[in-house]
Amino acid sequence: MQIDKLRGRELDQLFNAILSLKDLEECYLFFDDLCTANEIQSLAQRLEVARMLQKGKTYHKIETETGASTATISRVKRCLNYGNDAYEMVLNRLQEKEQTSINE
């Protein structure tokens, strides 16, 4: 687990700051101040790559639709297969939230 090497007060502060955000608008504001546009896009791209891999899409389709490099796709796939299952946890929660909002 690589994150264990990073654990500490500063990272705790960052994660607690993210957890304190109340809605999507606050997330946009915070991440706009915190990250460059490219950094935000890279994070969003990785999540989309994970979603597409989870749905069984091919590397070629993912590369074409997201612009992600094969190296990025491979890294995300490695995390899906051998990581902490966090992508799956988050994607499942997003899917549940989407289903709930559709049914309301």
Foldseek 3Di string as FASTA:
>chain_A
DVVVVVDDDVVVVVVVVVVPDDDPVSVVVVCVVVDPPVVVLLVVLLLVLLVCVVVVDDPVVSCVPRVDDVVSSVVSVCCCVPNDCPSVVVVVVVVVVVVVVVVD
